[in-house]
Amino acid sequence: MKIQSIYRGIKGFVKLYEYGYKYTYIITEKAKYKAKVLIFWEKHGLVATLDAFPYKRSTLFLWKKELKQEDGKL
């Protein structure tokens, strides 16, 4: 018995699938910056982070919570 894909014969499907898969796990510059701020916070403390970056305390805790919910995935 031969197994066939339901997408066989659809022109360009494989290219579209590869394109989508390629860009699924790309980390944006914004995510890298947020990670940099959170690492700075861990290393130097809250007061230094608030002085160095233009974000409020609640924003930092929100970012930390979101990162924890995603199991550390940016």
PDB file of N, CA and C in Angstrom:
ATOM      1  N   MET A   1       0.842  -1.165   0.000  1.00  0.00           N
ATOM      2  CA  MET A   1       0.000   0.000   0.000  1.00  0.00           C
ATOM      3  C   MET A   1       0.895   1.238   0.000  1.00  0.00           C
ATOM      4  N   LYS A   2       0.620   2.146  -0.886  1.00  0.00           N
ATOM      5  CA  LYS A   2       1.402   3.362  -1.040  1.00  0.00           C
ATOM      6  C   LYS A   2       0.679   4.525  -0.364  1.00  0.00           C
ATOM      7  N   ILE A   3       1.427   5.284   0.453  1.00  0.00           N
ATOM      8  CA  ILE A   3       0.859   6.429   1.151  1.00  0.00           C
ATOM      9  C   ILE A   3       1.187   7.684   0.355  1.00  0.00           C
ATOM     10  N   GLN A   4       0.167   8.483   0.097  1.00  0.00           N
ATOM     11  CA  GLN A   4       0.368   9.718  -0.642  1.00  0.00           C
ATOM     12  C   GLN A   4      -0.070  10.907   0.204  1.00  0.00           C
ATOM     13  N   SER A   5       0.587  12.008  -0.016  1.00  0.00           N
ATOM     14  CA  SER A   5       0.246  13.233   0.681  1.00  0.00           C
ATOM     15  C   SER A   5      -0.992  13.855   0.051  1.00  0.00           C
ATOM     16  N   ILE A   6      -1.811  14.484   0.885  1.00  0.00           N
ATOM     17  CA  ILE A   6      -3.000  15.147   0.346  1.00  0.00           C
ATOM     18  C   ILE A   6      -2.630  16.439  -0.385  1.00  0.00           C
ATOM     19  N   TYR A   7      -1.396  16.895  -0.186  1.00  0.00           N
ATOM     20  CA  TYR A   7      -0.951  18.128  -0.830  1.00  0.00           C
ATOM     21  C   TYR A   7      -0.204  17.861  -2.133  1.00  0.00           C
ATOM     22  N   ARG A   8      -0.149  16.640  -2.542  1.00  0.00           N
ATOM     23  CA  ARG A   8       0.533  16.292  -3.786  1.00  0.00           C
ATOM     24  C   ARG A   8      -0.194  16.953  -4.954  1.00  0.00           C
ATOM     25  N   GLY A   9       0.573  17.594  -5.777  1.00  0.00           N
ATOM     26  CA  GLY A   9       0.001  18.242  -6.948  1.00  0.00           C
ATOM     27  C   GLY A   9      -0.285  19.724  -6.755  1.00  0.00           C
ATOM     28  N   ILE A  10      -0.165  20.224  -5.541  1.00  0.00           N
ATOM     29  CA  ILE A  10      -0.377  21.645  -5.302  1.00  0.00           C
ATOM     30  C   ILE A  10       0.951  22.353  -5.517  1.00  0.00           C
ATOM     31  N   LYS A  11       1.010  23.148  -6.553  1.00  0.00           N
ATOM     32  CA  LYS A  11       2.246  23.807  -6.933  1.00  0.00           C
ATOM     33  C   LYS A  11       2.669  24.823  -5.875  1.00  0.00           C
ATOM     34  N   GLY A  12       3.900  24.712  -5.428  1.00  0.00           N
ATOM     35  CA  GLY A  12       4.470  25.660  -4.489  1.00  0.00           C
ATOM     36  C   GLY A  12       4.205  25.348  -3.027  1.00  0.00           C
ATOM     37  N   PHE A  13       3.520  24.252  -2.722  1.00  0.00           N
ATOM     38  CA  PHE A  13       3.208  23.952  -1.325  1.00  0.00           C
ATOM     39  C   PHE A  13       4.461  23.680  -0.501  1.00  0.00           C
ATOM     40  N   VAL A  14       5.390  22.935  -1.045  1.00  0.00           N
ATOM     41  CA  VAL A  14       6.607  22.588  -0.317  1.00  0.00           C
ATOM     42  C   VAL A  14       7.415  23.842  -0.006  1.00  0.00           C
ATOM     43  N   LYS A  15       7.537  24.742  -0.964  1.00  0.00           N
ATOM     44  CA  LYS A  15       8.265  25.996  -0.743  1.00  0.00           C
ATOM     45  C   LYS A  15       7.593  26.825   0.355  1.00  0.00           C
ATOM     46  N   LEU A  16       6.282  26.906   0.306  1.00  0.00           N
ATOM     47  CA  LEU A  16       5.538  27.668   1.292  1.00  0.00           C
ATOM     48  C   LEU A  16       5.703  27.047   2.682  1.00  0.00           C
ATOM     49  N   TYR A  17       5.658  25.727   2.760  1.00  0.00           N
ATOM     50  CA  TYR A  17       5.846  25.031   4.032  1.00  0.00           C
ATOM     51  C   TYR A  17       7.247  25.292   4.592  1.00  0.00           C
ATOM     52  N   GLU A  18       8.262  25.191   3.752  1.00  0.00           N
ATOM     53  CA  GLU A  18       9.640  25.426   4.187  1.00  0.00           C
ATOM     54  C   GLU A  18       9.826  26.872   4.651  1.00  0.00           C
ATOM     55  N   TYR A  19       9.220  27.805   3.958  1.00  0.00           N
ATOM     56  CA  TYR A  19       9.303  29.218   4.324  1.00  0.00           C
ATOM     57  C   TYR A  19       8.677  29.446   5.701  1.00  0.00           C
ATOM     58  N   GLY A  20       7.506  28.895   5.913  1.00  0.00           N
ATOM     59  CA  GLY A  20       6.832  29.042   7.199  1.00  0.00           C
ATOM     60  C   GLY A  20       7.601  28.394   8.326  1.00  0.00           C
ATOM     61  N   TYR A  21       8.156  27.231   8.089  1.00  0.00           N
ATOM     62  CA  TYR A  21       8.920  26.519   9.114  1.00  0.00           C
ATOM     63  C   TYR A  21      10.202  27.267   9.462  1.00  0.00           C
ATOM     64  N   LYS A  22      10.815  27.852   8.442  1.00  0.00           N
ATOM     65  CA  LYS A  22      12.072  28.573   8.636  1.00  0.00           C
ATOM     66  C   LYS A  22      11.884  29.763   9.569  1.00  0.00           C
ATOM     67  N   TYR A  23      10.779  30.480   9.431  1.00  0.00           N
ATOM     68  CA  TYR A  23      10.556  31.690  10.205  1.00  0.00           C
ATOM     69  C   TYR A  23       9.744  31.457  11.474  1.00  0.00           C
ATOM     70  N   THR A  24       9.498  30.231  11.832  1.00  0.00           N
ATOM     71  CA  THR A  24       8.759  29.931  13.045  1.00  0.00           C
ATOM     72  C   THR A  24       9.583  30.215  14.292  1.00  0.00           C
ATOM     73  N   TYR A  25      10.857  29.918  14.260  1.00  0.00           N
ATOM     74  CA  TYR A  25      11.684  29.999  15.448  1.00  0.00           C
ATOM     75  C   TYR A  25      12.696  31.141  15.423  1.00  0.00           C
ATOM     76  N   ILE A  26      12.442  32.157  14.655  1.00  0.00           N
ATOM     77  CA  ILE A  26      13.356  33.296  14.602  1.00  0.00           C
ATOM     78  C   ILE A  26      13.083  34.197  15.804  1.00  0.00           C
ATOM     79  N   ILE A  27      14.150  34.592  16.480  1.00  0.00           N
ATOM     80  CA  ILE A  27      14.032  35.471  17.634  1.00  0.00           C
ATOM     81  C   ILE A  27      14.193  36.907  17.149  1.00  0.00           C
ATOM     82  N   THR A  28      13.226  37.741  17.461  1.00  0.00           N
ATOM     83  CA  THR A  28      13.249  39.121  17.001  1.00  0.00           C
ATOM     84  C   THR A  28      14.237  39.946  17.814  1.00  0.00           C
ATOM     85  N   GLU A  29      14.586  41.097  17.283  1.00  0.00           N
ATOM     86  CA  GLU A  29      15.485  42.009  17.974  1.00  0.00           C
ATOM     87  C   GLU A  29      14.842  42.521  19.268  1.00  0.00           C
ATOM     88  N   LYS A  30      13.537  42.701  19.234  1.00  0.00           N
ATOM     89  CA  LYS A  30      12.818  43.164  20.413  1.00  0.00           C
ATOM     90  C   LYS A  30      12.917  42.135  21.541  1.00  0.00           C
ATOM     91  N   ALA A  31      12.785  40.858  21.207  1.00  0.00           N
ATOM     92  CA  ALA A  31      12.893  39.789  22.206  1.00  0.00           C
ATOM     93  C   ALA A  31      14.318  39.710  22.766  1.00  0.00           C
ATOM     94  N   LYS A  32      15.303  39.901  21.906  1.00  0.00           N
ATOM     95  CA  LYS A  32      16.692  39.892  22.368  1.00  0.00           C
ATOM     96  C   LYS A  32      16.952  41.046  23.329  1.00  0.00           C
ATOM     97  N   TYR A  33      16.377  42.204  23.032  1.00  0.00           N
ATOM     98  CA  TYR A  33      16.555  43.375  23.891  1.00  0.00           C
ATOM     99  C   TYR A  33      15.904  43.145  25.256  1.00  0.00           C
ATOM    100  N   LYS A  34      14.699  42.566  25.252  1.00  0.00           N
ATOM    101  CA  LYS A  34      14.023  42.263  26.508  1.00  0.00           C
ATOM    102  C   LYS A  34      14.847  41.291  27.341  1.00  0.00           C
ATOM    103  N   ALA A  35      15.427  40.288  26.698  1.00  0.00           N
ATOM    104  CA  ALA A  35      16.269  39.326  27.404  1.00  0.00           C
ATOM    105  C   ALA A  35      17.498  40.017  27.986  1.00  0.00           C
ATOM    106  N   LYS A  36      18.053  40.943  27.235  1.00  0.00           N
ATOM    107  CA  LYS A  36      19.218  41.690  27.710  1.00  0.00           C
ATOM    108  C   LYS A  36      18.879  42.491  28.971  1.00  0.00           C
ATOM    109  N   VAL A  37      17.700  43.127  28.979  1.00  0.00           N
ATOM    110  CA  VAL A  37      17.262  43.894  30.132  1.00  0.00           C
ATOM    111  C   VAL A  37      17.056  42.971  31.337  1.00  0.00           C
ATOM    112  N   LEU A  38      16.427  41.820  31.117  1.00  0.00           N
ATOM    113  CA  LEU A  38      16.183  40.894  32.221  1.00  0.00           C
ATOM    114  C   LEU A  38      17.484  40.324  32.782  1.00  0.00           C
ATOM    115  N   ILE A  39      18.449  40.058  31.932  1.00  0.00           N
ATOM    116  CA  ILE A  39      19.753  39.572  32.395  1.00  0.00           C
ATOM    117  C   ILE A  39      20.457  40.655  33.207  1.00  0.00           C
ATOM    118  N   PHE A  40      20.375  41.890  32.733  1.00  0.00           N
ATOM    119  CA  PHE A  40      20.954  43.020  33.471  1.00  0.00           C
ATOM    120  C   PHE A  40      20.312  43.125  34.850  1.00  0.00           C
ATOM    121  N   TRP A  41      19.010  42.933  34.903  1.00  0.00           N
ATOM    122  CA  TRP A  41      18.264  43.010  36.159  1.00  0.00           C
ATOM    123  C   TRP A  41      18.756  41.949  37.149  1.00  0.00           C
ATOM    124  N   GLU A  42      18.925  40.717  36.671  1.00  0.00           N
ATOM    125  CA  GLU A  42      19.413  39.648  37.532  1.00  0.00           C
ATOM    126  C   GLU A  42      20.823  39.941  38.050  1.00  0.00           C
ATOM    127  N   LYS A  43      21.637  40.516  37.204  1.00  0.00           N
ATOM    128  CA  LYS A  43      23.041  40.738  37.545  1.00  0.00           C
ATOM    129  C   LYS A  43      23.240  41.942  38.468  1.00  0.00           C
ATOM    130  N   HIS A  44      22.528  43.038  38.201  1.00  0.00           N
ATOM    131  CA  HIS A  44      22.800  44.293  38.895  1.00  0.00           C
ATOM    132  C   HIS A  44      21.698  44.757  39.842  1.00  0.00           C
ATOM    133  N   GLY A  45      20.556  44.128  39.820  1.00  0.00           N
ATOM    134  CA  GLY A  45      19.471  44.506  40.721  1.00  0.00           C
ATOM    135  C   GLY A  45      18.459  45.440  40.088  1.00  0.00           C
ATOM    136  N   LEU A  46      17.368  45.632  40.813  1.00  0.00           N
ATOM    137  CA  LEU A  46      16.239  46.406  40.299  1.00  0.00           C
ATOM    138  C   LEU A  46      16.540  47.893  40.173  1.00  0.00           C
ATOM    139  N   VAL A  47      17.169  48.475  41.165  1.00  0.00           N
ATOM    140  CA  VAL A  47      17.427  49.923  41.144  1.00  0.00           C
ATOM    141  C   VAL A  47      18.331  50.301  39.966  1.00  0.00           C
ATOM    142  N   ALA A  48      19.393  49.534  39.760  1.00  0.00           N
ATOM    143  CA  ALA A  48      20.303  49.818  38.645  1.00  0.00           C
ATOM    144  C   ALA A  48      19.600  49.643  37.301  1.00  0.00           C
ATOM    145  N   THR A  49      18.736  48.649  37.202  1.00  0.00           N
ATOM    146  CA  THR A  49      18.010  48.412  35.948  1.00  0.00           C
ATOM    147  C   THR A  49      17.050  49.547  35.651  1.00  0.00           C
ATOM    148  N   LEU A  50      16.350  50.017  36.665  1.00  0.00           N
ATOM    149  CA  LEU A  50      15.423  51.135  36.469  1.00  0.00           C
ATOM    150  C   LEU A  50      16.161  52.412  36.084  1.00  0.00           C
ATOM    151  N   ASP A  51      17.392  52.569  36.570  1.00  0.00           N
ATOM    152  CA  ASP A  51      18.198  53.735  36.190  1.00  0.00           C
ATOM    153  C   ASP A  51      18.753  53.600  34.768  1.00  0.00           C
ATOM    154  N   ALA A  52      19.077  52.383  34.372  1.00  0.00           N
ATOM    155  CA  ALA A  52      19.741  52.168  33.083  1.00  0.00           C
ATOM    156  C   ALA A  52      18.771  52.077  31.907  1.00  0.00           C
ATOM    157  N   PHE A  53      17.550  51.607  32.152  1.00  0.00           N
ATOM    158  CA  PHE A  53      16.602  51.387  31.059  1.00  0.00           C
ATOM    159  C   PHE A  53      15.308  52.161  31.325  1.00  0.00           C
ATOM    160  N   PRO A  54      14.634  52.599  30.269  1.00  0.00           N
ATOM    161  CA  PRO A  54      13.434  53.433  30.440  1.00  0.00           C
ATOM    162  C   PRO A  54      12.151  52.626  30.642  1.00  0.00           C
ATOM    163  N   TYR A  55      12.162  51.670  31.556  1.00  0.00           N
ATOM    164  CA  TYR A  55      10.984  50.836  31.806  1.00  0.00           C
ATOM    165  C   TYR A  55      10.625  50.884  33.275  1.00  0.00           C
ATOM    166  N   LYS A  56       9.358  50.661  33.565  1.00  0.00           N
ATOM    167  CA  LYS A  56       8.891  50.656  34.937  1.00  0.00           C
ATOM    168  C   LYS A  56       9.063  49.268  35.548  1.00  0.00           C
ATOM    169  N   ARG A  57       8.971  49.225  36.860  1.00  0.00           N
ATOM    170  CA  ARG A  57       9.118  47.981  37.609  1.00  0.00           C
ATOM    171  C   ARG A  57       8.080  46.951  37.168  1.00  0.00           C
ATOM    172  N   SER A  58       6.849  47.398  36.969  1.00  0.00           N
ATOM    173  CA  SER A  58       5.773  46.478  36.581  1.00  0.00           C
ATOM    174  C   SER A  58       6.033  45.840  35.215  1.00  0.00           C
ATOM    175  N   THR A  59       6.638  46.590  34.319  1.00  0.00           N
ATOM    176  CA  THR A  59       6.972  46.063  32.997  1.00  0.00           C
ATOM    177  C   THR A  59       8.002  44.952  33.102  1.00  0.00           C
ATOM    178  N   LEU A  60       8.994  45.147  33.939  1.00  0.00           N
ATOM    179  CA  LEU A  60      10.028  44.123  34.121  1.00  0.00           C
ATOM    180  C   LEU A  60       9.437  42.840  34.693  1.00  0.00           C
ATOM    181  N   PHE A  61       8.557  42.985  35.685  1.00  0.00           N
ATOM    182  CA  PHE A  61       7.927  41.799  36.261  1.00  0.00           C
ATOM    183  C   PHE A  61       7.007  41.110  35.251  1.00  0.00           C
ATOM    184  N   LEU A  62       6.349  41.880  34.399  1.00  0.00           N
ATOM    185  CA  LEU A  62       5.506  41.306  33.348  1.00  0.00           C
ATOM    186  C   LEU A  62       6.347  40.500  32.355  1.00  0.00           C
ATOM    187  N   TRP A  63       7.474  41.057  31.927  1.00  0.00           N
ATOM    188  CA  TRP A  63       8.363  40.356  31.005  1.00  0.00           C
ATOM    189  C   TRP A  63       8.880  39.064  31.633  1.00  0.00           C
ATOM    190  N   LYS A  64       9.232  39.135  32.903  1.00  0.00           N
ATOM    191  CA  LYS A  64       9.745  37.957  33.603  1.00  0.00           C
ATOM    192  C   LYS A  64       8.661  36.878  33.688  1.00  0.00           C
ATOM    193  N   LYS A  65       7.435  37.291  33.977  1.00  0.00           N
ATOM    194  CA  LYS A  65       6.311  36.355  34.058  1.00  0.00           C
ATOM    195  C   LYS A  65       6.045  35.698  32.702  1.00  0.00           C
ATOM    196  N   GLU A  66       6.058  36.495  31.623  1.00  0.00           N
ATOM    197  CA  GLU A  66       5.815  35.960  30.284  1.00  0.00           C
ATOM    198  C   GLU A  66       6.909  34.977  29.879  1.00  0.00           C
ATOM    199  N   LEU A  67       8.150  35.301  30.228  1.00  0.00           N
ATOM    200  CA  LEU A  67       9.263  34.406  29.916  1.00  0.00           C
ATOM    201  C   LEU A  67       9.126  33.089  30.676  1.00  0.00           C
ATOM    202  N   LYS A  68       8.690  33.158  31.905  1.00  0.00           N
ATOM    203  CA  LYS A  68       8.496  31.955  32.720  1.00  0.00           C
ATOM    204  C   LYS A  68       7.359  31.095  32.161  1.00  0.00           C
ATOM    205  N   GLN A  69       6.284  31.743  31.698  1.00  0.00           N
ATOM    206  CA  GLN A  69       5.150  31.019  31.126  1.00  0.00           C
ATOM    207  C   GLN A  69       5.535  30.289  29.838  1.00  0.00           C
ATOM    208  N   GLU A  70       6.480  30.837  29.105  1.00  0.00           N
ATOM    209  CA  GLU A  70       6.942  30.233  27.853  1.00  0.00           C
ATOM    210  C   GLU A  70       8.107  29.263  28.083  1.00  0.00           C
ATOM    211  N   ASP A  71       8.383  28.943  29.331  1.00  0.00           N
ATOM    212  CA  ASP A  71       9.467  28.019  29.698  1.00  0.00           C
ATOM    213  C   ASP A  71      10.834  28.496  29.214  1.00  0.00           C
ATOM    214  N   GLY A  72      11.043  29.796  29.250  1.00  0.00           N
ATOM    215  CA  GLY A  72      12.340  30.357  28.888  1.00  0.00           C
ATOM    216  C   GLY A  72      12.562  30.555  27.399  1.00  0.00           C
ATOM    217  N   LYS A  73      11.559  30.316  26.588  1.00  0.00           N
ATOM    218  CA  LYS A  73      11.689  30.534  25.135  1.00  0.00           C
ATOM    219  C   LYS A  73      11.412  31.991  24.820  1.00  0.00           C
ATOM    220  N   LEU A  74      12.315  32.596  24.076  1.00  0.00           N
ATOM    221  CA  LEU A  74      12.125  34.003  23.716  1.00  0.00           C
ATOM    222  C   LEU A  74      11.072  34.111  22.682  1.00  0.00           C
TER     223      LEU A  74
END
